[in-house]
Amino acid sequence: RVSDLLEGGLVVSGDQLEWDRPRKGTHYTATITDTGAIQLEDGRTFSSPSRAAMEAADIASFDGWYAWTVARLGKTLNELRHDLKAKLSDEVGQG
């Protein structure tokens, strides 16, 4: 969950998310809320990155972990999810 990334310190409340679809000529933005939800520009909020992507683009299916990039980091949510897994693994190894 995005809330796990928030709790792990990899993202912060207010981080801007971007999703570019150059072949479609579309660009979507959203914001991470203080609960780790994703808020679209129109105010709708979703706990799932995939649901947020599907609703933003009005499409039936899309993996939002690969769609959304955290603007200030230049990393997708999926990359950050892997970073969190590595961070947690390192912490367990050091414990």
PDB file of N, CA and C in Angstrom:
ATOM      1  N   ARG A   1       0.829  -1.192   0.000  1.00  0.00           N
ATOM      2  CA  ARG A   1       0.000   0.000   0.000  1.00  0.00           C
ATOM      3  C   ARG A   1       0.870   1.251   0.000  1.00  0.00           C
ATOM      4  N   VAL A   2       0.315   2.316  -0.545  1.00  0.00           N
ATOM      5  CA  VAL A   2       1.042   3.591  -0.543  1.00  0.00           C
ATOM      6  C   VAL A   2       1.250   4.045   0.898  1.00  0.00           C
ATOM      7  N   SER A   3       0.321   3.708   1.772  1.00  0.00           N
ATOM      8  CA  SER A   3       0.479   4.080   3.182  1.00  0.00           C
ATOM      9  C   SER A   3       1.734   3.431   3.780  1.00  0.00           C
ATOM     10  N   ASP A   4       2.125   2.250   3.278  1.00  0.00           N
ATOM     11  CA  ASP A   4       3.368   1.621   3.740  1.00  0.00           C
ATOM     12  C   ASP A   4       4.576   2.454   3.322  1.00  0.00           C
ATOM     13  N   LEU A   5       4.527   3.014   2.107  1.00  0.00           N
ATOM     14  CA  LEU A   5       5.614   3.885   1.645  1.00  0.00           C
ATOM     15  C   LEU A   5       5.681   5.147   2.490  1.00  0.00           C
ATOM     16  N   LEU A   6       4.527   5.656   2.869  1.00  0.00           N
ATOM     17  CA  LEU A   6       4.443   6.848   3.712  1.00  0.00           C
ATOM     18  C   LEU A   6       5.031   6.552   5.093  1.00  0.00           C
ATOM     19  N   GLU A   7       4.595   5.447   5.686  1.00  0.00           N
ATOM     20  CA  GLU A   7       5.092   5.063   7.011  1.00  0.00           C
ATOM     21  C   GLU A   7       6.583   4.761   6.989  1.00  0.00           C
ATOM     22  N   GLY A   8       7.077   4.249   5.862  1.00  0.00           N
ATOM     23  CA  GLY A   8       8.492   3.922   5.726  1.00  0.00           C
ATOM     24  C   GLY A   8       9.367   5.114   5.397  1.00  0.00           C
ATOM     25  N   GLY A   9       8.740   6.289   5.207  1.00  0.00           N
ATOM     26  CA  GLY A   9       9.489   7.507   4.956  1.00  0.00           C
ATOM     27  C   GLY A   9       9.966   7.679   3.514  1.00  0.00           C
ATOM     28  N   LEU A  10       9.460   6.851   2.604  1.00  0.00           N
ATOM     29  CA  LEU A  10       9.881   6.968   1.209  1.00  0.00           C
ATOM     30  C   LEU A  10       9.101   8.027   0.450  1.00  0.00           C
ATOM     31  N   VAL A  11       7.890   8.316   0.900  1.00  0.00           N
ATOM     32  CA  VAL A  11       7.092   9.420   0.357  1.00  0.00           C
ATOM     33  C   VAL A  11       6.567  10.220   1.540  1.00  0.00           C
ATOM     34  N   VAL A  12       6.130  11.435   1.255  1.00  0.00           N
ATOM     35  CA  VAL A  12       5.557  12.274   2.300  1.00  0.00           C
ATOM     36  C   VAL A  12       4.199  12.780   1.842  1.00  0.00           C
ATOM     37  N   SER A  13       3.388  13.127   2.804  1.00  0.00           N
ATOM     38  CA  SER A  13       2.087  13.716   2.497  1.00  0.00           C
ATOM     39  C   SER A  13       2.301  14.962   1.649  1.00  0.00           C
ATOM     40  N   GLY A  14       1.543  15.081   0.583  1.00  0.00           N
ATOM     41  CA  GLY A  14       1.668  16.218  -0.302  1.00  0.00           C
ATOM     42  C   GLY A  14       2.540  15.959  -1.521  1.00  0.00           C
ATOM     43  N   ASP A  15       3.226  14.817  -1.540  1.00  0.00           N
ATOM     44  CA  ASP A  15       4.020  14.489  -2.723  1.00  0.00           C
ATOM     45  C   ASP A  15       3.116  14.450  -3.955  1.00  0.00           C
ATOM     46  N   GLN A  16       3.609  15.036  -5.034  1.00  0.00           N
ATOM     47  CA  GLN A  16       2.881  15.050  -6.294  1.00  0.00           C
ATOM     48  C   GLN A  16       3.207  13.795  -7.092  1.00  0.00           C
ATOM     49  N   LEU A  17       2.181  13.185  -7.633  1.00  0.00           N
ATOM     50  CA  LEU A  17       2.332  12.041  -8.520  1.00  0.00           C
ATOM     51  C   LEU A  17       2.024  12.483  -9.942  1.00  0.00           C
ATOM     52  N   GLU A  18       2.755  11.920 -10.889  1.00  0.00           N
ATOM     53  CA  GLU A  18       2.518  12.223 -12.296  1.00  0.00           C
ATOM     54  C   GLU A  18       2.457  10.926 -13.079  1.00  0.00           C
ATOM     55  N   TRP A  19       1.655  10.955 -14.131  1.00  0.00           N
ATOM     56  CA  TRP A  19       1.564   9.826 -15.041  1.00  0.00           C
ATOM     57  C   TRP A  19       1.415  10.379 -16.443  1.00  0.00           C
ATOM     58  N   ASP A  20       2.434  10.160 -17.245  1.00  0.00           N
ATOM     59  CA  ASP A  20       2.416  10.609 -18.639  1.00  0.00           C
ATOM     60  C   ASP A  20       2.085   9.428 -19.540  1.00  0.00           C
ATOM     61  N   ARG A  21       1.190   9.672 -20.480  1.00  0.00           N
ATOM     62  CA  ARG A  21       0.869   8.681 -21.500  1.00  0.00           C
ATOM     63  C   ARG A  21       1.085   9.351 -22.857  1.00  0.00           C
ATOM     64  N   PRO A  22       2.351   9.435 -23.305  1.00  0.00           N
ATOM     65  CA  PRO A  22       2.681  10.206 -24.500  1.00  0.00           C
ATOM     66  C   PRO A  22       1.950   9.751 -25.759  1.00  0.00           C
ATOM     67  N   ARG A  23       1.759   8.454 -25.924  1.00  0.00           N
ATOM     68  CA  ARG A  23       1.064   7.978 -27.130  1.00  0.00           C
ATOM     69  C   ARG A  23      -0.395   8.399 -27.133  1.00  0.00           C
ATOM     70  N   LYS A  24      -0.957   8.597 -25.951  1.00  0.00           N
ATOM     71  CA  LYS A  24      -2.340   9.074 -25.841  1.00  0.00           C
ATOM     72  C   LYS A  24      -2.394  10.600 -25.759  1.00  0.00           C
ATOM     73  N   GLY A  25      -1.231  11.205 -25.522  1.00  0.00           N
ATOM     74  CA  GLY A  25      -1.187  12.659 -25.387  1.00  0.00           C
ATOM     75  C   GLY A  25      -1.830  13.152 -24.102  1.00  0.00           C
ATOM     76  N   THR A  26      -1.750  12.337 -23.044  1.00  0.00           N
ATOM     77  CA  THR A  26      -2.383  12.714 -21.778  1.00  0.00           C
ATOM     78  C   THR A  26      -1.350  12.749 -20.648  1.00  0.00           C
ATOM     79  N   HIS A  27      -1.664  13.554 -19.662  1.00  0.00           N
ATOM     80  CA  HIS A  27      -0.830  13.708 -18.470  1.00  0.00           C
ATOM     81  C   HIS A  27      -1.773  13.825 -17.277  1.00  0.00           C
ATOM     82  N   TYR A  28      -1.527  13.019 -16.273  1.00  0.00           N
ATOM     83  CA  TYR A  28      -2.374  13.033 -15.077  1.00  0.00           C
ATOM     84  C   TYR A  28      -1.514  13.388 -13.872  1.00  0.00           C
ATOM     85  N   THR A  29      -2.123  14.074 -12.915  1.00  0.00           N
ATOM     86  CA  THR A  29      -1.438  14.377 -11.665  1.00  0.00           C
ATOM     87  C   THR A  29      -2.344  14.007 -10.504  1.00  0.00           C
ATOM     88  N   ALA A  30      -1.714  13.745  -9.389  1.00  0.00           N
ATOM     89  CA  ALA A  30      -2.430  13.397  -8.167  1.00  0.00           C
ATOM     90  C   ALA A  30      -1.521  13.771  -6.996  1.00  0.00           C
ATOM     91  N   THR A  31      -2.045  13.626  -5.805  1.00  0.00           N
ATOM     92  CA  THR A  31      -1.311  13.975  -4.594  1.00  0.00           C
ATOM     93  C   THR A  31      -1.452  12.853  -3.578  1.00  0.00           C
ATOM     94  N   ILE A  32      -0.379  12.571  -2.860  1.00  0.00           N
ATOM     95  CA  ILE A  32      -0.449  11.612  -1.760  1.00  0.00           C
ATOM     96  C   ILE A  32      -0.975  12.342  -0.535  1.00  0.00           C
ATOM     97  N   THR A  33      -2.010  11.783   0.080  1.00  0.00           N
ATOM     98  CA  THR A  33      -2.616  12.408   1.260  1.00  0.00           C
ATOM     99  C   THR A  33      -1.888  11.974   2.529  1.00  0.00           C
ATOM    100  N   ASP A  34      -2.264  12.573   3.645  1.00  0.00           N
ATOM    101  CA  ASP A  34      -1.622  12.233   4.912  1.00  0.00           C
ATOM    102  C   ASP A  34      -1.956  10.829   5.404  1.00  0.00           C
ATOM    103  N   THR A  35      -2.938  10.174   4.784  1.00  0.00           N
ATOM    104  CA  THR A  35      -3.262   8.784   5.141  1.00  0.00           C
ATOM    105  C   THR A  35      -2.657   7.792   4.150  1.00  0.00           C
ATOM    106  N   GLY A  36      -1.956   8.302   3.135  1.00  0.00           N
ATOM    107  CA  GLY A  36      -1.363   7.425   2.137  1.00  0.00           C
ATOM    108  C   GLY A  36      -2.290   7.107   0.982  1.00  0.00           C
ATOM    109  N   ALA A  37      -3.387   7.821   0.891  1.00  0.00           N
ATOM    110  CA  ALA A  37      -4.293   7.656  -0.239  1.00  0.00           C
ATOM    111  C   ALA A  37      -3.794   8.523  -1.393  1.00  0.00           C
ATOM    112  N   ILE A  38      -4.366   8.304  -2.558  1.00  0.00           N
ATOM    113  CA  ILE A  38      -4.028   9.095  -3.743  1.00  0.00           C
ATOM    114  C   ILE A  38      -5.237   9.935  -4.112  1.00  0.00           C
ATOM    115  N   GLN A  39      -5.048  11.235  -4.122  1.00  0.00           N
ATOM    116  CA  GLN A  39      -6.132  12.158  -4.450  1.00  0.00           C
ATOM    117  C   GLN A  39      -5.919  12.709  -5.851  1.00  0.00           C
ATOM    118  N   LEU A  40      -6.900  12.473  -6.711  1.00  0.00           N
ATOM    119  CA  LEU A  40      -6.852  12.994  -8.066  1.00  0.00           C
ATOM    120  C   LEU A  40      -7.158  14.488  -8.067  1.00  0.00           C
ATOM    121  N   GLU A  41      -6.907  15.139  -9.195  1.00  0.00           N
ATOM    122  CA  GLU A  41      -7.138  16.581  -9.316  1.00  0.00           C
ATOM    123  C   GLU A  41      -8.584  16.957  -9.037  1.00  0.00           C
ATOM    124  N   ASP A  42      -9.520  16.048  -9.351  1.00  0.00           N
ATOM    125  CA  ASP A  42     -10.938  16.363  -9.147  1.00  0.00           C
ATOM    126  C   ASP A  42     -11.405  16.120  -7.712  1.00  0.00           C
ATOM    127  N   GLY A  43     -10.471  15.710  -6.830  1.00  0.00           N
ATOM    128  CA  GLY A  43     -10.797  15.525  -5.426  1.00  0.00           C
ATOM    129  C   GLY A  43     -11.115  14.099  -5.018  1.00  0.00           C
ATOM    130  N   ARG A  44     -11.343  13.223  -5.983  1.00  0.00           N
ATOM    131  CA  ARG A  44     -11.606  11.821  -5.634  1.00  0.00           C
ATOM    132  C   ARG A  44     -10.343  11.199  -5.062  1.00  0.00           C
ATOM    133  N   THR A  45     -10.543  10.347  -4.061  1.00  0.00           N
ATOM    134  CA  THR A  45      -9.424   9.751  -3.345  1.00  0.00           C
ATOM    135  C   THR A  45      -9.529   8.232  -3.392  1.00  0.00           C
ATOM    136  N   PHE A  46      -8.376   7.588  -3.587  1.00  0.00           N
ATOM    137  CA  PHE A  46      -8.327   6.133  -3.697  1.00  0.00           C
ATOM    138  C   PHE A  46      -7.165   5.581  -2.887  1.00  0.00           C
ATOM    139  N   SER A  47      -7.359   4.436  -2.251  1.00  0.00           N
ATOM    140  CA  SER A  47      -6.280   3.796  -1.501  1.00  0.00           C
ATOM    141  C   SER A  47      -5.382   2.983  -2.426  1.00  0.00           C
ATOM    142  N   SER A  48      -5.884   2.627  -3.589  1.00  0.00           N
ATOM    143  CA  SER A  48      -5.138   1.800  -4.538  1.00  0.00           C
ATOM    144  C   SER A  48      -4.571   2.645  -5.683  1.00  0.00           C
ATOM    145  N   PRO A  49      -3.267   2.533  -5.951  1.00  0.00           N
ATOM    146  CA  PRO A  49      -2.692   3.252  -7.087  1.00  0.00           C
ATOM    147  C   PRO A  49      -3.330   2.828  -8.412  1.00  0.00           C
ATOM    148  N   SER A  50      -3.669   1.555  -8.521  1.00  0.00           N
ATOM    149  CA  SER A  50      -4.280   1.069  -9.763  1.00  0.00           C
ATOM    150  C   SER A  50      -5.663   1.665  -9.960  1.00  0.00           C
ATOM    151  N   ARG A  51      -6.460   1.700  -8.904  1.00  0.00           N
ATOM    152  CA  ARG A  51      -7.801   2.289  -9.017  1.00  0.00           C
ATOM    153  C   ARG A  51      -7.686   3.770  -9.352  1.00  0.00           C
ATOM    154  N   ALA A  52      -6.732   4.461  -8.745  1.00  0.00           N
ATOM    155  CA  ALA A  52      -6.538   5.885  -9.039  1.00  0.00           C
ATOM    156  C   ALA A  52      -6.170   6.078 -10.513  1.00  0.00           C
ATOM    157  N   ALA A  53      -5.300   5.227 -11.042  1.00  0.00           N
ATOM    158  CA  ALA A  53      -4.903   5.322 -12.448  1.00  0.00           C
ATOM    159  C   ALA A  53      -6.084   5.028 -13.366  1.00  0.00           C
ATOM    160  N   MET A  54      -6.826   3.981 -13.059  1.00  0.00           N
ATOM    161  CA  MET A  54      -7.968   3.613 -13.900  1.00  0.00           C
ATOM    162  C   MET A  54      -9.021   4.711 -13.911  1.00  0.00           C
ATOM    163  N   GLU A  55      -9.280   5.307 -12.772  1.00  0.00           N
ATOM    164  CA  GLU A  55     -10.280   6.373 -12.690  1.00  0.00           C
ATOM    165  C   GLU A  55      -9.782   7.653 -13.364  1.00  0.00           C
ATOM    166  N   ALA A  56      -8.496   7.963 -13.189  1.00  0.00           N
ATOM    167  CA  ALA A  56      -7.940   9.168 -13.815  1.00  0.00           C
ATOM    168  C   ALA A  56      -8.039   9.082 -15.333  1.00  0.00           C
ATOM    169  N   ALA A  57      -7.710   7.900 -15.881  1.00  0.00           N
ATOM    170  CA  ALA A  57      -7.682   7.730 -17.334  1.00  0.00           C
ATOM    171  C   ALA A  57      -8.996   7.183 -17.900  1.00  0.00           C
ATOM    172  N   ASP A  58      -9.935   6.861 -17.013  1.00  0.00           N
ATOM    173  CA  ASP A  58     -11.214   6.292 -17.429  1.00  0.00           C
ATOM    174  C   ASP A  58     -11.003   5.049 -18.303  1.00  0.00           C
ATOM    175  N   ILE A  59     -10.205   4.120 -17.755  1.00  0.00           N
ATOM    176  CA  ILE A  59      -9.936   2.861 -18.432  1.00  0.00           C
ATOM    177  C   ILE A  59     -10.240   1.704 -17.487  1.00  0.00           C
ATOM    178  N   ALA A  60     -10.429   0.515 -18.062  1.00  0.00           N
ATOM    179  CA  ALA A  60     -10.878  -0.642 -17.290  1.00  0.00           C
ATOM    180  C   ALA A  60      -9.786  -1.263 -16.431  1.00  0.00           C
ATOM    181  N   SER A  61      -8.531  -1.151 -16.858  1.00  0.00           N
ATOM    182  CA  SER A  61      -7.474  -1.829 -16.121  1.00  0.00           C
ATOM    183  C   SER A  61      -6.131  -1.152 -16.366  1.00  0.00           C
ATOM    184  N   PHE A  62      -5.359  -0.970 -15.301  1.00  0.00           N
ATOM    185  CA  PHE A  62      -3.995  -0.466 -15.424  1.00  0.00           C
ATOM    186  C   PHE A  62      -3.294  -0.654 -14.088  1.00  0.00           C
ATOM    187  N   ASP A  63      -2.031  -1.023 -14.128  1.00  0.00           N
ATOM    188  CA  ASP A  63      -1.254  -1.216 -12.905  1.00  0.00           C
ATOM    189  C   ASP A  63      -0.688   0.134 -12.467  1.00  0.00           C
ATOM    190  N   GLY A  64      -1.326   0.713 -11.476  1.00  0.00           N
ATOM    191  CA  GLY A  64      -0.945   2.033 -11.000  1.00  0.00           C
ATOM    192  C   GLY A  64       0.416   2.101 -10.349  1.00  0.00           C
ATOM    193  N   TRP A  65       0.944   0.971  -9.878  1.00  0.00           N
ATOM    194  CA  TRP A  65       2.281   0.961  -9.282  1.00  0.00           C
ATOM    195  C   TRP A  65       3.325   1.336 -10.331  1.00  0.00           C
ATOM    196  N   TYR A  66       3.057   0.998 -11.584  1.00  0.00           N
ATOM    197  CA  TYR A  66       3.966   1.338 -12.683  1.00  0.00           C
ATOM    198  C   TYR A  66       3.599   2.671 -13.324  1.00  0.00           C
ATOM    199  N   ALA A  67       2.360   3.093 -13.186  1.00  0.00           N
ATOM    200  CA  ALA A  67       1.894   4.328 -13.830  1.00  0.00           C
ATOM    201  C   ALA A  67       2.420   5.572 -13.119  1.00  0.00           C
ATOM    202  N   TRP A  68       2.224   5.643 -11.826  1.00  0.00           N
ATOM    203  CA  TRP A  68       2.498   6.870 -11.075  1.00  0.00           C
ATOM    204  C   TRP A  68       3.972   7.020 -10.722  1.00  0.00           C
ATOM    205  N   THR A  69       4.495   8.213 -10.985  1.00  0.00           N
ATOM    206  CA  THR A  69       5.858   8.580 -10.616  1.00  0.00           C
ATOM    207  C   THR A  69       5.783   9.694  -9.574  1.00  0.00           C
ATOM    208  N   VAL A  70       6.575   9.571  -8.513  1.00  0.00           N
ATOM    209  CA  VAL A  70       6.662  10.634  -7.514  1.00  0.00           C
ATOM    210  C   VAL A  70       7.547  11.720  -8.114  1.00  0.00           C
ATOM    211  N   ALA A  71       6.973  12.887  -8.362  1.00  0.00           N
ATOM    212  CA  ALA A  71       7.643  13.944  -9.121  1.00  0.00           C
ATOM    213  C   ALA A  71       8.994  14.345  -8.516  1.00  0.00           C
ATOM    214  N   ARG A  72       9.059  14.537  -7.220  1.00  0.00           N
ATOM    215  CA  ARG A  72      10.310  15.033  -6.621  1.00  0.00           C
ATOM    216  C   ARG A  72      11.416  13.981  -6.604  1.00  0.00           C
ATOM    217  N   LEU A  73      11.055  12.722  -6.763  1.00  0.00           N
ATOM    218  CA  LEU A  73      12.038  11.637  -6.725  1.00  0.00           C
ATOM    219  C   LEU A  73      12.354  11.063  -8.103  1.00  0.00           C
ATOM    220  N   GLY A  74      11.426  11.225  -9.031  1.00  0.00           N
ATOM    221  CA  GLY A  74      11.615  10.643 -10.350  1.00  0.00           C
ATOM    222  C   GLY A  74      11.548   9.131 -10.355  1.00  0.00           C
ATOM    223  N   LYS A  75      10.866   8.572  -9.365  1.00  0.00           N
ATOM    224  CA  LYS A  75      10.735   7.120  -9.253  1.00  0.00           C
ATOM    225  C   LYS A  75       9.264   6.737  -9.265  1.00  0.00           C
ATOM    226  N   THR A  76       8.982   5.582  -9.864  1.00  0.00           N
ATOM    227  CA  THR A  76       7.607   5.078  -9.834  1.00  0.00           C
ATOM    228  C   THR A  76       7.300   4.534  -8.443  1.00  0.00           C
ATOM    229  N   LEU A  77       6.016   4.403  -8.164  1.00  0.00           N
ATOM    230  CA  LEU A  77       5.616   3.788  -6.897  1.00  0.00           C
ATOM    231  C   LEU A  77       6.156   2.372  -6.806  1.00  0.00           C
ATOM    232  N   ASN A  78       6.247   1.682  -7.936  1.00  0.00           N
ATOM    233  CA  ASN A  78       6.779   0.325  -7.929  1.00  0.00           C
ATOM    234  C   ASN A  78       8.252   0.317  -7.517  1.00  0.00           C
ATOM    235  N   GLU A  79       9.035   1.262  -8.030  1.00  0.00           N
ATOM    236  CA  GLU A  79      10.440   1.343  -7.633  1.00  0.00           C
ATOM    237  C   GLU A  79      10.558   1.624  -6.139  1.00  0.00           C
ATOM    238  N   LEU A  80       9.699   2.495  -5.634  1.00  0.00           N
ATOM    239  CA  LEU A  80       9.724   2.823  -4.208  1.00  0.00           C
ATOM    240  C   LEU A  80       9.285   1.636  -3.363  1.00  0.00           C
ATOM    241  N   ARG A  81       8.370   0.849  -3.886  1.00  0.00           N
ATOM    242  CA  ARG A  81       7.932  -0.360  -3.180  1.00  0.00           C
ATOM    243  C   ARG A  81       9.113  -1.318  -3.024  1.00  0.00           C
ATOM    244  N   HIS A  82       9.919  -1.437  -4.076  1.00  0.00           N
ATOM    245  CA  HIS A  82      11.115  -2.292  -4.001  1.00  0.00           C
ATOM    246  C   HIS A  82      12.150  -1.697  -3.062  1.00  0.00           C
ATOM    247  N   ASP A  83      12.285  -0.373  -3.068  1.00  0.00           N
ATOM    248  CA  ASP A  83      13.206   0.290  -2.136  1.00  0.00           C
ATOM    249  C   ASP A  83      12.795   0.020  -0.695  1.00  0.00           C
ATOM    250  N   LEU A  84      11.486   0.067  -0.422  1.00  0.00           N
ATOM    251  CA  LEU A  84      10.998  -0.188   0.930  1.00  0.00           C
ATOM    252  C   LEU A  84      11.286  -1.623   1.342  1.00  0.00           C
ATOM    253  N   LYS A  85      11.065  -2.545   0.436  1.00  0.00           N
ATOM    254  CA  LYS A  85      11.325  -3.960   0.731  1.00  0.00           C
ATOM    255  C   LYS A  85      12.802  -4.154   1.074  1.00  0.00           C
ATOM    256  N   ALA A  86      13.690  -3.520   0.306  1.00  0.00           N
ATOM    257  CA  ALA A  86      15.126  -3.624   0.562  1.00  0.00           C
ATOM    258  C   ALA A  86      15.493  -2.988   1.900  1.00  0.00           C
ATOM    259  N   LYS A  87      14.880  -1.838   2.191  1.00  0.00           N
ATOM    260  CA  LYS A  87      15.146  -1.135   3.450  1.00  0.00           C
ATOM    261  C   LYS A  87      14.727  -1.997   4.634  1.00  0.00           C
ATOM    262  N   LEU A  88      13.559  -2.603   4.558  1.00  0.00           N
ATOM    263  CA  LEU A  88      13.049  -3.442   5.638  1.00  0.00           C
ATOM    264  C   LEU A  88      13.919  -4.692   5.791  1.00  0.00           C
ATOM    265  N   SER A  89      14.372  -5.233   4.676  1.00  0.00           N
ATOM    266  CA  SER A  89      15.228  -6.410   4.687  1.00  0.00           C
ATOM    267  C   SER A  89      16.573  -6.095   5.364  1.00  0.00           C
ATOM    268  N   ASP A  90      17.117  -4.904   5.060  1.00  0.00           N
ATOM    269  CA  ASP A  90      18.362  -4.464   5.682  1.00  0.00           C
ATOM    270  C   ASP A  90      18.194  -4.272   7.178  1.00  0.00           C
ATOM    271  N   GLU A  91      17.054  -3.705   7.582  1.00  0.00           N
ATOM    272  CA  GLU A  91      16.800  -3.471   9.005  1.00  0.00           C
ATOM    273  C   GLU A  91      16.680  -4.781   9.758  1.00  0.00           C
ATOM    274  N   VAL A  92      16.062  -5.776   9.164  1.00  0.00           N
ATOM    275  CA  VAL A  92      15.925  -7.089   9.791  1.00  0.00           C
ATOM    276  C   VAL A  92      17.302  -7.752   9.896  1.00  0.00           C
ATOM    277  N   GLY A  93      18.107  -7.601   8.851  1.00  0.00           N
ATOM    278  CA  GLY A  93      19.444  -8.181   8.838  1.00  0.00           C
ATOM    279  C   GLY A  93      20.362  -7.572   9.878  1.00  0.00           C
ATOM    280  N   GLN A  94      20.116  -6.296  10.201  1.00  0.00           N
ATOM    281  CA  GLN A  94      20.957  -5.608  11.186  1.00  0.00           C
ATOM    282  C   GLN A  94      20.472  -5.832  12.607  1.00  0.00           C
ATOM    283  N   GLY A  95      19.220  -6.305  12.730  1.00  0.00           N
ATOM    284  CA  GLY A  95      18.616  -6.458  14.050  1.00  0.00           C
ATOM    285  C   GLY A  95      19.078  -7.667  14.716  1.00  0.00           C
TER     286      GLY A  95
END
